[in-house]
Amino acid sequence: MSGWKLREMPDLGGRTAVVTGGNTGLGHRSALELARKGARVFLTSRSGARGRAAAAAIASDVPGTSVEGIELDLTDPASIERFAERVASRADRLDILLNNAGVVSLAFLQRTPAGHEMHMATNHFGHFLVTGHLLPLLLATAGARVCTVTSGGYRYGTLDFDDLDWRKRPYHPVKAYGASKLANLLFTRELQRRFDSAGASALALSAHPGLTRTERQQSSGMGGMLSRLLASSVDVGVAPQLRAVTDPAAGKMGFYGPRFGIYGSARRTSPVSGPATSDALAQLLWRFTEETTGFRYPPPVDSSTFGASAG
């Protein structure tokens, strides 16, 4: 079998999507393919100018599409709130939230202005906040999907809740990155439980691209020569996350990745590490994240109205 192809994406006319980190790499390709299928797309970039340029490039490739680039800094809660307010002012539904942006194996320890380690702050805390601020739109949309992009690197991560900011331990870039990617999977797990508890029709999913020839992989410590020799094309690497957000057969907590781990056609798979499948750890991480960010997801007002905006 040849496996799932981008051409199998269904028509997305009338749908609205948000893609974080949509100005380059897999995020940009995701935004482009969603637009090709008729979705209205909001893509984000830390730079407003780069985001607008990326949106203009997609509009040039797909005439007549609706695509907008919006500034978003995942390490800045105020930026996240402004971004969500802007989306909410322009759209009354959100069918797809693709939490794609991230940083990879930073060689030196970096912290945000709030003092949080950069991998965890960007890859997990930031997307926790983005999803939470966009939750009303997601819950108002029948069958909405939230896909958070993780990595096979989650297998090397552990969550030391006493030292997630790496103040007590010697910094290790692969382990710091792996911890954030493990957090992505646990976030997905607890988000789905909360969707279910609220009676929402939304799906929480995750995906990983394997080893892909993107700007981020090429420049990261994990890429290097191995990436240049073995990496798949962006066409292949982007398929798992696009399958997650568009495949009609996708189910709750679907986890999509390359067939052979770092390469191959997109297929549904399962996490291979015990911590990634722990409900107790997912709930502990959720509580820790609420305490760290000071943000709590709004409780449902009337679960019978969730998913009322049909596609």
C-alpha atoms as a PDB file:
ATOM      1  CA  MET A   1       0.000   0.000   0.000  1.00  0.00           C
ATOM      2  CA  SER A   2       1.250   3.483  -0.841  1.00  0.00           C
ATOM      3  CA  GLY A   3      -0.221   5.059   2.292  1.00  0.00           C
ATOM      4  CA  TRP A   4      -2.159   8.263   2.878  1.00  0.00           C
ATOM      5  CA  LYS A   5      -1.427  11.146   0.520  1.00  0.00           C
ATOM      6  CA  LEU A   6      -2.102  14.864   0.743  1.00  0.00           C
ATOM      7  CA  ARG A   7      -4.492  14.533  -2.179  1.00  0.00           C
ATOM      8  CA  GLU A   8      -6.794  12.529   0.113  1.00  0.00           C
ATOM      9  CA  MET A   9      -7.569  15.589   2.205  1.00  0.00           C
ATOM     10  CA  PRO A  10     -11.297  16.324   1.982  1.00  0.00           C
ATOM     11  CA  ASP A  11     -12.824  19.592   0.871  1.00  0.00           C
ATOM     12  CA  LEU A  12     -12.578  22.140   3.700  1.00  0.00           C
ATOM     13  CA  GLY A  13     -14.835  24.834   2.313  1.00  0.00           C
ATOM     14  CA  GLY A  14     -16.533  26.730   5.130  1.00  0.00           C
ATOM     15  CA  ARG A  15     -13.962  25.566   7.684  1.00  0.00           C
ATOM     16  CA  THR A  16     -11.637  27.812   9.690  1.00  0.00           C
ATOM     17  CA  ALA A  17      -8.123  26.833  10.760  1.00  0.00           C
ATOM     18  CA  VAL A  18      -5.362  28.278  12.931  1.00  0.00           C
ATOM     19  CA  VAL A  19      -1.775  27.144  12.348  1.00  0.00           C
ATOM     20  CA  THR A  20       0.873  28.289  14.801  1.00  0.00           C
ATOM     21  CA  GLY A  21       4.332  28.765  13.342  1.00  0.00           C
ATOM     22  CA  GLY A  22       2.802  29.064   9.904  1.00  0.00           C
ATOM     23  CA  ASN A  23       5.417  31.314   8.341  1.00  0.00           C
ATOM     24  CA  THR A  24       7.943  28.569   7.594  1.00  0.00           C
ATOM     25  CA  GLY A  25       8.587  24.822   7.409  1.00  0.00           C
ATOM     26  CA  LEU A  26       5.850  22.328   8.197  1.00  0.00           C
ATOM     27  CA  GLY A  27       3.567  25.058   9.511  1.00  0.00           C
ATOM     28  CA  HIS A  28       3.687  27.015   6.290  1.00  0.00           C
ATOM     29  CA  ARG A  29       3.108  23.891   4.216  1.00  0.00           C
ATOM     30  CA  SER A  30       0.191  22.935   6.460  1.00  0.00           C
ATOM     31  CA  ALA A  31      -1.380  26.368   6.047  1.00  0.00           C
ATOM     32  CA  LEU A  32      -0.902  26.171   2.281  1.00  0.00           C
ATOM     33  CA  GLU A  33      -2.515  22.744   1.959  1.00  0.00           C
ATOM     34  CA  LEU A  34      -5.444  23.687   4.192  1.00  0.00           C
ATOM     35  CA  ALA A  35      -5.993  26.784   2.061  1.00  0.00           C
ATOM     36  CA  ARG A  36      -5.822  24.701  -1.135  1.00  0.00           C
ATOM     37  CA  LYS A  37      -8.725  22.661   0.205  1.00  0.00           C
ATOM     38  CA  GLY A  38     -10.804  25.749   0.851  1.00  0.00           C
ATOM     39  CA  ALA A  39     -10.236  26.470   4.516  1.00  0.00           C
ATOM     40  CA  ARG A  40     -10.007  29.970   5.874  1.00  0.00           C
ATOM     41  CA  VAL A  41      -6.581  30.082   7.527  1.00  0.00           C
ATOM     42  CA  PHE A  42      -5.010  32.188  10.254  1.00  0.00           C
ATOM     43  CA  LEU A  43      -1.285  31.536  10.481  1.00  0.00           C
ATOM     44  CA  THR A  44       1.042  32.843  13.154  1.00  0.00           C
ATOM     45  CA  SER A  45       4.611  34.038  13.378  1.00  0.00           C
ATOM     46  CA  ARG A  46       6.654  35.733  16.097  1.00  0.00           C
ATOM     47  CA  SER A  47       7.158  38.496  13.535  1.00  0.00           C
ATOM     48  CA  GLY A  48       4.057  40.171  12.220  1.00  0.00           C
ATOM     49  CA  ALA A  49       5.895  41.096   9.017  1.00  0.00           C
ATOM     50  CA  ARG A  50       6.987  37.507   8.359  1.00  0.00           C
ATOM     51  CA  GLY A  51       3.504  36.259   9.080  1.00  0.00           C
ATOM     52  CA  ARG A  52       1.944  38.691   6.629  1.00  0.00           C
ATOM     53  CA  ALA A  53       4.542  37.775   3.992  1.00  0.00           C
ATOM     54  CA  ALA A  54       3.794  34.070   4.455  1.00  0.00           C
ATOM     55  CA  ALA A  55       0.068  34.710   4.144  1.00  0.00           C
ATOM     56  CA  ALA A  56       0.645  36.751   0.984  1.00  0.00           C
ATOM     57  CA  ALA A  57       2.703  33.933  -0.527  1.00  0.00           C
ATOM     58  CA  ILE A  58      -0.111  31.454   0.075  1.00  0.00           C
ATOM     59  CA  ALA A  59      -2.685  33.862  -1.331  1.00  0.00           C
ATOM     60  CA  SER A  60      -0.523  34.160  -4.448  1.00  0.00           C
ATOM     61  CA  ASP A  61      -0.356  30.370  -4.813  1.00  0.00           C
ATOM     62  CA  VAL A  62      -4.053  29.870  -4.069  1.00  0.00           C
ATOM     63  CA  PRO A  63      -5.968  32.800  -5.585  1.00  0.00           C
ATOM     64  CA  GLY A  64      -9.225  33.597  -3.867  1.00  0.00           C
ATOM     65  CA  THR A  65      -8.280  31.975  -0.588  1.00  0.00           C
ATOM     66  CA  SER A  66      -8.732  33.676   2.786  1.00  0.00           C
ATOM     67  CA  VAL A  67      -5.465  33.599   4.718  1.00  0.00           C
ATOM     68  CA  GLU A  68      -4.189  36.023   7.324  1.00  0.00           C
ATOM     69  CA  GLY A  69      -0.860  36.222   9.123  1.00  0.00           C
ATOM     70  CA  ILE A  70      -1.005  37.309  12.764  1.00  0.00           C
ATOM     71  CA  GLU A  71       1.803  37.992  15.210  1.00  0.00           C
ATOM     72  CA  LEU A  72       2.054  35.520  18.078  1.00  0.00           C
ATOM     73  CA  ASP A  73       4.801  35.050  20.646  1.00  0.00           C
ATOM     74  CA  LEU A  74       4.156  31.772  22.460  1.00  0.00           C
ATOM     75  CA  THR A  75       6.357  32.844  25.373  1.00  0.00           C
ATOM     76  CA  ASP A  76       4.309  36.004  26.029  1.00  0.00           C
ATOM     77  CA  PRO A  77       0.865  35.513  27.645  1.00  0.00           C
ATOM     78  CA  ALA A  78      -0.211  39.019  26.607  1.00  0.00           C
ATOM     79  CA  SER A  79       0.656  38.276  22.965  1.00  0.00           C
ATOM     80  CA  ILE A  80      -1.327  35.035  23.138  1.00  0.00           C
ATOM     81  CA  GLU A  81      -4.355  36.820  24.548  1.00  0.00           C
ATOM     82  CA  ARG A  82      -4.197  39.520  21.862  1.00  0.00           C
ATOM     83  CA  PHE A  83      -3.914  36.882  19.171  1.00  0.00           C
ATOM     84  CA  ALA A  84      -6.930  34.939  20.436  1.00  0.00           C
ATOM     85  CA  GLU A  85      -9.014  38.103  20.695  1.00  0.00           C
ATOM     86  CA  ARG A  86      -8.127  38.975  17.123  1.00  0.00           C
ATOM     87  CA  VAL A  87      -9.159  35.557  15.832  1.00  0.00           C
ATOM     88  CA  ALA A  88     -12.387  35.668  17.830  1.00  0.00           C
ATOM     89  CA  SER A  89     -13.198  39.098  16.379  1.00  0.00           C
ATOM     90  CA  ARG A  90     -12.855  37.736  12.838  1.00  0.00           C
ATOM     91  CA  ALA A  91     -14.356  34.244  13.085  1.00  0.00           C
ATOM     92  CA  ASP A  92     -17.369  32.633  14.733  1.00  0.00           C
ATOM     93  CA  ARG A  93     -16.027  29.089  14.473  1.00  0.00           C
ATOM     94  CA  LEU A  94     -12.727  27.222  14.671  1.00  0.00           C
ATOM     95  CA  ASP A  95     -12.624  23.792  13.080  1.00  0.00           C
ATOM     96  CA  ILE A  96      -8.878  23.177  13.210  1.00  0.00           C
ATOM     97  CA  LEU A  97      -6.269  24.335  15.697  1.00  0.00           C
ATOM     98  CA  LEU A  98      -2.860  23.043  14.628  1.00  0.00           C
ATOM     99  CA  ASN A  99      -0.391  23.660  17.452  1.00  0.00           C
ATOM    100  CA  ASN A 100       2.651  23.352  15.211  1.00  0.00           C
ATOM    101  CA  ALA A 101       5.165  25.979  16.334  1.00  0.00           C
ATOM    102  CA  GLY A 102       8.093  25.006  18.496  1.00  0.00           C
ATOM    103  CA  VAL A 103      11.780  25.168  19.295  1.00  0.00           C
ATOM    104  CA  VAL A 104      14.120  22.189  18.951  1.00  0.00           C
ATOM    105  CA  SER A 105      17.103  21.164  21.096  1.00  0.00           C
ATOM    106  CA  LEU A 106      18.504  24.609  21.830  1.00  0.00           C
ATOM    107  CA  ALA A 107      22.240  24.183  22.368  1.00  0.00           C
ATOM    108  CA  PHE A 108      22.349  26.551  25.342  1.00  0.00           C
ATOM    109  CA  LEU A 109      19.919  27.046  28.185  1.00  0.00           C
ATOM    110  CA  GLN A 110      17.513  29.854  27.387  1.00  0.00           C
ATOM    111  CA  ARG A 111      14.701  31.214  29.517  1.00  0.00           C
ATOM    112  CA  THR A 112      11.721  33.433  28.827  1.00  0.00           C
ATOM    113  CA  PRO A 113      11.368  36.846  30.505  1.00  0.00           C
ATOM    114  CA  ALA A 114       9.219  35.047  33.101  1.00  0.00           C
ATOM    115  CA  GLY A 115      12.115  32.704  33.839  1.00  0.00           C
ATOM    116  CA  HIS A 116      10.802  29.508  32.243  1.00  0.00           C
ATOM    117  CA  GLU A 117      12.996  27.156  30.205  1.00  0.00           C
ATOM    118  CA  MET A 118      12.431  27.902  26.529  1.00  0.00           C
ATOM    119  CA  HIS A 119      11.419  24.440  25.231  1.00  0.00           C
ATOM    120  CA  MET A 120       8.724  23.907  27.850  1.00  0.00           C
ATOM    121  CA  ALA A 121       7.576  27.515  27.706  1.00  0.00           C
ATOM    122  CA  THR A 122       7.180  27.551  23.919  1.00  0.00           C
ATOM    123  CA  ASN A 123       6.178  24.011  23.067  1.00  0.00           C
ATOM    124  CA  HIS A 124       3.856  23.324  25.994  1.00  0.00           C
ATOM    125  CA  PHE A 125       2.927  26.346  28.111  1.00  0.00           C
ATOM    126  CA  GLY A 126       2.378  28.525  25.043  1.00  0.00           C
ATOM    127  CA  HIS A 127       0.083  26.078  23.290  1.00  0.00           C
ATOM    128  CA  PHE A 128      -1.769  25.364  26.530  1.00  0.00           C
ATOM    129  CA  LEU A 129      -2.607  29.067  26.646  1.00  0.00           C
ATOM    130  CA  VAL A 130      -3.431  29.369  22.937  1.00  0.00           C
ATOM    131  CA  THR A 131      -5.841  26.447  23.137  1.00  0.00           C
ATOM    132  CA  GLY A 132      -7.401  27.745  26.320  1.00  0.00           C
ATOM    133  CA  HIS A 133      -8.017  31.230  24.956  1.00  0.00           C
ATOM    134  CA  LEU A 134      -9.512  29.776  21.772  1.00  0.00           C
ATOM    135  CA  LEU A 135     -11.621  27.242  23.654  1.00  0.00           C
ATOM    136  CA  PRO A 136     -14.949  29.080  23.267  1.00  0.00           C
ATOM    137  CA  LEU A 137     -14.592  29.002  19.469  1.00  0.00           C
ATOM    138  CA  LEU A 138     -13.566  25.355  19.502  1.00  0.00           C
ATOM    139  CA  LEU A 139     -16.494  24.335  21.687  1.00  0.00           C
ATOM    140  CA  ALA A 140     -18.896  26.266  19.458  1.00  0.00           C
ATOM    141  CA  THR A 141     -17.829  24.246  16.398  1.00  0.00           C
ATOM    142  CA  ALA A 142     -19.091  20.725  15.759  1.00  0.00           C
ATOM    143  CA  GLY A 143     -16.255  18.248  15.432  1.00  0.00           C
ATOM    144  CA  ALA A 144     -13.480  20.777  16.048  1.00  0.00           C
ATOM    145  CA  ARG A 145      -9.971  19.340  16.143  1.00  0.00           C
ATOM    146  CA  VAL A 146      -6.932  20.342  18.178  1.00  0.00           C
ATOM    147  CA  CYS A 147      -3.737  18.707  16.946  1.00  0.00           C
ATOM    148  CA  THR A 148      -0.556  19.346  18.906  1.00  0.00           C
ATOM    149  CA  VAL A 149       2.648  18.479  17.092  1.00  0.00           C
ATOM    150  CA  THR A 150       5.028  16.386  19.167  1.00  0.00           C
ATOM    151  CA  SER A 151       8.165  14.440  18.255  1.00  0.00           C
ATOM    152  CA  GLY A 152       9.684  11.010  18.638  1.00  0.00           C
ATOM    153  CA  GLY A 153      11.934  12.817  21.086  1.00  0.00           C
ATOM    154  CA  TYR A 154       9.197  12.477  23.732  1.00  0.00           C
ATOM    155  CA  ARG A 155      10.735   9.094  24.563  1.00  0.00           C
ATOM    156  CA  TYR A 156      13.796  10.866  25.973  1.00  0.00           C
ATOM    157  CA  GLY A 157      11.820  13.230  28.151  1.00  0.00           C
ATOM    158  CA  THR A 158      10.901  13.090  31.817  1.00  0.00           C
ATOM    159  CA  LEU A 159       8.950  15.632  33.820  1.00  0.00           C
ATOM    160  CA  ASP A 160      10.825  16.793  36.892  1.00  0.00           C
ATOM    161  CA  PHE A 161       8.196  19.061  38.402  1.00  0.00           C
ATOM    162  CA  ASP A 162      10.723  20.321  40.947  1.00  0.00           C
ATOM    163  CA  ASP A 163      13.037  21.574  38.202  1.00  0.00           C
ATOM    164  CA  LEU A 164      11.295  22.048  34.844  1.00  0.00           C
ATOM    165  CA  ASP A 165      13.280  25.267  34.436  1.00  0.00           C
ATOM    166  CA  TRP A 166      16.632  23.476  34.775  1.00  0.00           C
ATOM    167  CA  ARG A 167      17.921  25.496  37.711  1.00  0.00           C
ATOM    168  CA  LYS A 168      19.096  22.529  39.784  1.00  0.00           C
ATOM    169  CA  ARG A 169      20.330  20.148  37.058  1.00  0.00           C
ATOM    170  CA  PRO A 170      22.967  20.532  34.341  1.00  0.00           C
ATOM    171  CA  TYR A 171      21.105  21.568  31.210  1.00  0.00           C
ATOM    172  CA  HIS A 172      20.650  18.860  28.578  1.00  0.00           C
ATOM    173  CA  PRO A 173      19.103  20.063  25.264  1.00  0.00           C
ATOM    174  CA  VAL A 174      17.762  16.702  24.112  1.00  0.00           C
ATOM    175  CA  LYS A 175      16.173  15.958  27.485  1.00  0.00           C
ATOM    176  CA  ALA A 176      14.710  19.460  27.766  1.00  0.00           C
ATOM    177  CA  TYR A 177      13.227  19.154  24.299  1.00  0.00           C
ATOM    178  CA  GLY A 178      11.998  15.624  25.035  1.00  0.00           C
ATOM    179  CA  ALA A 179      10.255  16.788  28.198  1.00  0.00           C
ATOM    180  CA  SER A 180       8.328  19.417  26.234  1.00  0.00           C
ATOM    181  CA  LYS A 181       7.315  16.851  23.619  1.00  0.00           C
ATOM    182  CA  LEU A 182       6.164  14.416  26.306  1.00  0.00           C
ATOM    183  CA  ALA A 183       4.136  17.300  27.712  1.00  0.00           C
ATOM    184  CA  ASN A 184       2.494  17.751  24.284  1.00  0.00           C
ATOM    185  CA  LEU A 185       1.203  14.165  24.365  1.00  0.00           C
ATOM    186  CA  LEU A 186      -0.001  14.434  27.946  1.00  0.00           C
ATOM    187  CA  PHE A 187      -1.739  17.730  27.173  1.00  0.00           C
ATOM    188  CA  THR A 188      -3.598  16.014  24.324  1.00  0.00           C
ATOM    189  CA  ARG A 189      -4.652  13.204  26.637  1.00  0.00           C
ATOM    190  CA  GLU A 190      -6.073  15.459  29.320  1.00  0.00           C
ATOM    191  CA  LEU A 191      -7.640  17.839  26.803  1.00  0.00           C
ATOM    192  CA  GLN A 192      -9.631  14.956  25.310  1.00  0.00           C
ATOM    193  CA  ARG A 193     -10.770  13.858  28.753  1.00  0.00           C
ATOM    194  CA  ARG A 194     -12.006  17.376  29.408  1.00  0.00           C
ATOM    195  CA  PHE A 195     -13.759  17.563  26.032  1.00  0.00           C
ATOM    196  CA  ASP A 196     -15.517  14.302  26.865  1.00  0.00           C
ATOM    197  CA  SER A 197     -16.462  15.453  30.355  1.00  0.00           C
ATOM    198  CA  ALA A 198     -17.964  18.607  28.889  1.00  0.00           C
ATOM    199  CA  GLY A 199     -20.006  16.654  26.347  1.00  0.00           C
ATOM    200  CA  ALA A 200     -18.128  18.353  23.510  1.00  0.00           C
ATOM    201  CA  SER A 201     -17.725  16.779  20.076  1.00  0.00           C
ATOM    202  CA  ALA A 202     -14.171  18.109  19.737  1.00  0.00           C
ATOM    203  CA  LEU A 203     -11.195  15.839  19.154  1.00  0.00           C
ATOM    204  CA  ALA A 204      -7.746  16.212  20.709  1.00  0.00           C
ATOM    205  CA  LEU A 205      -5.029  14.648  18.572  1.00  0.00           C
ATOM    206  CA  SER A 206      -1.274  14.665  18.150  1.00  0.00           C
ATOM    207  CA  ALA A 207       1.207  14.056  15.351  1.00  0.00           C
ATOM    208  CA  HIS A 208       4.912  13.898  14.739  1.00  0.00           C
ATOM    209  CA  PRO A 209       6.709  14.415  11.420  1.00  0.00           C
ATOM    210  CA  GLY A 210       9.633  12.052  11.855  1.00  0.00           C
ATOM    211  CA  LEU A 211      12.877  13.374  10.427  1.00  0.00           C
ATOM    212  CA  THR A 212      11.967  16.055   7.908  1.00  0.00           C
ATOM    213  CA  ARG A 213      14.032  18.373   5.747  1.00  0.00           C
ATOM    214  CA  THR A 214      12.914  21.710   7.157  1.00  0.00           C
ATOM    215  CA  GLU A 215      14.761  24.831   8.211  1.00  0.00           C
ATOM    216  CA  ARG A 216      14.292  23.952  11.872  1.00  0.00           C
ATOM    217  CA  GLN A 217      15.622  20.407  11.554  1.00  0.00           C
ATOM    218  CA  GLN A 218      18.572  21.490   9.471  1.00  0.00           C
ATOM    219  CA  SER A 219      19.682  24.067  12.003  1.00  0.00           C
ATOM    220  CA  SER A 220      18.986  22.096  15.170  1.00  0.00           C
ATOM    221  CA  GLY A 221      21.439  20.025  17.108  1.00  0.00           C
ATOM    222  CA  MET A 222      19.344  16.927  16.435  1.00  0.00           C
ATOM    223  CA  GLY A 223      19.498  17.405  12.673  1.00  0.00           C
ATOM    224  CA  GLY A 224      22.909  18.044  11.197  1.00  0.00           C
ATOM    225  CA  MET A 225      24.366  15.438   8.901  1.00  0.00           C
ATOM    226  CA  LEU A 226      21.752  12.809   9.805  1.00  0.00           C
ATOM    227  CA  SER A 227      18.983  15.154   8.719  1.00  0.00           C
ATOM    228  CA  ARG A 228      20.655  15.902   5.402  1.00  0.00           C
ATOM    229  CA  LEU A 229      21.186  12.223   4.664  1.00  0.00           C
ATOM    230  CA  LEU A 230      17.969  10.624   5.931  1.00  0.00           C
ATOM    231  CA  ALA A 231      15.339  13.334   6.225  1.00  0.00           C
ATOM    232  CA  SER A 232      12.101  13.079   4.280  1.00  0.00           C
ATOM    233  CA  SER A 233      10.781  15.883   2.132  1.00  0.00           C
ATOM    234  CA  VAL A 234       8.328  18.375   3.574  1.00  0.00           C
ATOM    235  CA  ASP A 235       5.611  16.684   1.484  1.00  0.00           C
ATOM    236  CA  VAL A 236       6.114  13.522   3.532  1.00  0.00           C
ATOM    237  CA  GLY A 237       6.800  15.168   6.889  1.00  0.00           C
ATOM    238  CA  VAL A 238       3.702  17.324   6.842  1.00  0.00           C
ATOM    239  CA  ALA A 239       1.339  14.425   6.129  1.00  0.00           C
ATOM    240  CA  PRO A 240       0.838  13.148   9.716  1.00  0.00           C
ATOM    241  CA  GLN A 241      -0.393  16.463  11.075  1.00  0.00           C
ATOM    242  CA  LEU A 242      -2.581  17.131   8.061  1.00  0.00           C
ATOM    243  CA  ARG A 243      -4.054  13.660   8.283  1.00  0.00           C
ATOM    244  CA  ALA A 244      -4.782  14.228  11.970  1.00  0.00           C
ATOM    245  CA  VAL A 245      -6.734  17.437  11.326  1.00  0.00           C
ATOM    246  CA  THR A 246      -8.588  16.342   8.165  1.00  0.00           C
ATOM    247  CA  ASP A 247      -9.016  12.554   7.970  1.00  0.00           C
ATOM    248  CA  PRO A 248     -12.738  11.814   8.521  1.00  0.00           C
ATOM    249  CA  ALA A 249     -11.752   8.549  10.215  1.00  0.00           C
ATOM    250  CA  ALA A 250      -9.615  10.194  12.902  1.00  0.00           C
ATOM    251  CA  GLY A 251     -10.637   9.371  16.458  1.00  0.00           C
ATOM    252  CA  LYS A 252     -10.085  10.632  19.969  1.00  0.00           C
ATOM    253  CA  MET A 253      -6.436  11.014  20.961  1.00  0.00           C
ATOM    254  CA  GLY A 254      -5.340   9.852  17.522  1.00  0.00           C
ATOM    255  CA  PHE A 255      -1.547   9.914  17.271  1.00  0.00           C
ATOM    256  CA  TYR A 256      -0.149  10.117  13.734  1.00  0.00           C
ATOM    257  CA  GLY A 257       3.387   9.657  12.535  1.00  0.00           C
ATOM    258  CA  PRO A 258       5.525   8.125   9.779  1.00  0.00           C
ATOM    259  CA  ARG A 259       5.128   4.401   9.256  1.00  0.00           C
ATOM    260  CA  PHE A 260       8.772   3.649  10.033  1.00  0.00           C
ATOM    261  CA  GLY A 261       9.255   6.065  12.892  1.00  0.00           C
ATOM    262  CA  ILE A 262      11.433   8.689  11.209  1.00  0.00           C
ATOM    263  CA  TYR A 263      10.122   8.256   7.658  1.00  0.00           C
ATOM    264  CA  GLY A 264       7.281   6.682   5.710  1.00  0.00           C
ATOM    265  CA  SER A 265       3.631   7.319   4.985  1.00  0.00           C
ATOM    266  CA  ALA A 266       1.392   8.876   7.628  1.00  0.00           C
ATOM    267  CA  ARG A 267      -0.452   6.386   9.780  1.00  0.00           C
ATOM    268  CA  ARG A 268      -2.144   6.207  13.153  1.00  0.00           C
ATOM    269  CA  THR A 269       0.223   4.851  15.763  1.00  0.00           C
ATOM    270  CA  SER A 270       0.532   4.668  19.552  1.00  0.00           C
ATOM    271  CA  PRO A 271       2.972   6.201  22.031  1.00  0.00           C
ATOM    272  CA  VAL A 272       5.612   3.670  23.017  1.00  0.00           C
ATOM    273  CA  SER A 273       6.535   5.031  26.443  1.00  0.00           C
ATOM    274  CA  GLY A 274       4.461   4.441  29.539  1.00  0.00           C
ATOM    275  CA  PRO A 275       4.580   8.032  30.815  1.00  0.00           C
ATOM    276  CA  ALA A 276       2.982   9.281  27.592  1.00  0.00           C
ATOM    277  CA  THR A 277      -0.117   7.173  28.276  1.00  0.00           C
ATOM    278  CA  SER A 278      -0.527   7.989  31.968  1.00  0.00           C
ATOM    279  CA  ASP A 279      -3.803   9.691  32.872  1.00  0.00           C
ATOM    280  CA  ALA A 280      -2.461  10.500  36.333  1.00  0.00           C
ATOM    281  CA  LEU A 281       0.650  12.182  34.921  1.00  0.00           C
ATOM    282  CA  ALA A 282      -1.469  14.085  32.380  1.00  0.00           C
ATOM    283  CA  GLN A 283      -3.676  15.449  35.138  1.00  0.00           C
ATOM    284  CA  LEU A 284      -0.677  16.323  37.299  1.00  0.00           C
ATOM    285  CA  LEU A 285       0.911  18.200  34.407  1.00  0.00           C
ATOM    286  CA  TRP A 286      -2.358  20.047  33.754  1.00  0.00           C
ATOM    287  CA  ARG A 287      -2.562  21.240  37.352  1.00  0.00           C
ATOM    288  CA  PHE A 288       1.097  22.225  37.339  1.00  0.00           C
ATOM    289  CA  THR A 289       0.604  24.150  34.094  1.00  0.00           C
ATOM    290  CA  GLU A 290      -2.398  26.004  35.498  1.00  0.00           C
ATOM    291  CA  GLU A 291      -0.376  27.010  38.544  1.00  0.00           C
ATOM    292  CA  THR A 292       2.632  28.040  36.478  1.00  0.00           C
ATOM    293  CA  THR A 293       0.731  30.061  33.882  1.00  0.00           C
ATOM    294  CA  GLY A 294      -1.994  31.351  36.181  1.00  0.00           C
ATOM    295  CA  PHE A 295      -4.552  30.356  33.539  1.00  0.00           C
ATOM    296  CA  ARG A 296      -7.460  27.990  34.085  1.00  0.00           C
ATOM    297  CA  TYR A 297      -9.658  26.758  31.312  1.00  0.00           C
ATOM    298  CA  PRO A 298     -13.178  28.184  31.572  1.00  0.00           C
ATOM    299  CA  PRO A 299     -15.735  25.671  32.807  1.00  0.00           C
ATOM    300  CA  PRO A 300     -18.557  24.737  30.422  1.00  0.00           C
ATOM    301  CA  VAL A 301     -21.638  26.907  30.759  1.00  0.00           C
ATOM    302  CA  ASP A 302     -24.071  24.626  28.961  1.00  0.00           C
ATOM    303  CA  SER A 303     -22.637  21.430  27.546  1.00  0.00           C
ATOM    304  CA  SER A 304     -25.768  20.879  25.437  1.00  0.00           C
ATOM    305  CA  THR A 305     -24.691  23.805  23.245  1.00  0.00           C
ATOM    306  CA  PHE A 306     -21.155  22.560  22.641  1.00  0.00           C
ATOM    307  CA  GLY A 307     -20.473  21.823  19.003  1.00  0.00           C
ATOM    308  CA  ALA A 308     -23.646  23.618  17.952  1.00  0.00           C
ATOM    309  CA  SER A 309     -22.113  25.243  14.872  1.00  0.00           C
ATOM    310  CA  ALA A 310     -22.420  22.517  12.271  1.00  0.00           C
ATOM    311  CA  GLY A 311     -20.224  22.350   9.214  1.00  0.00           C
END
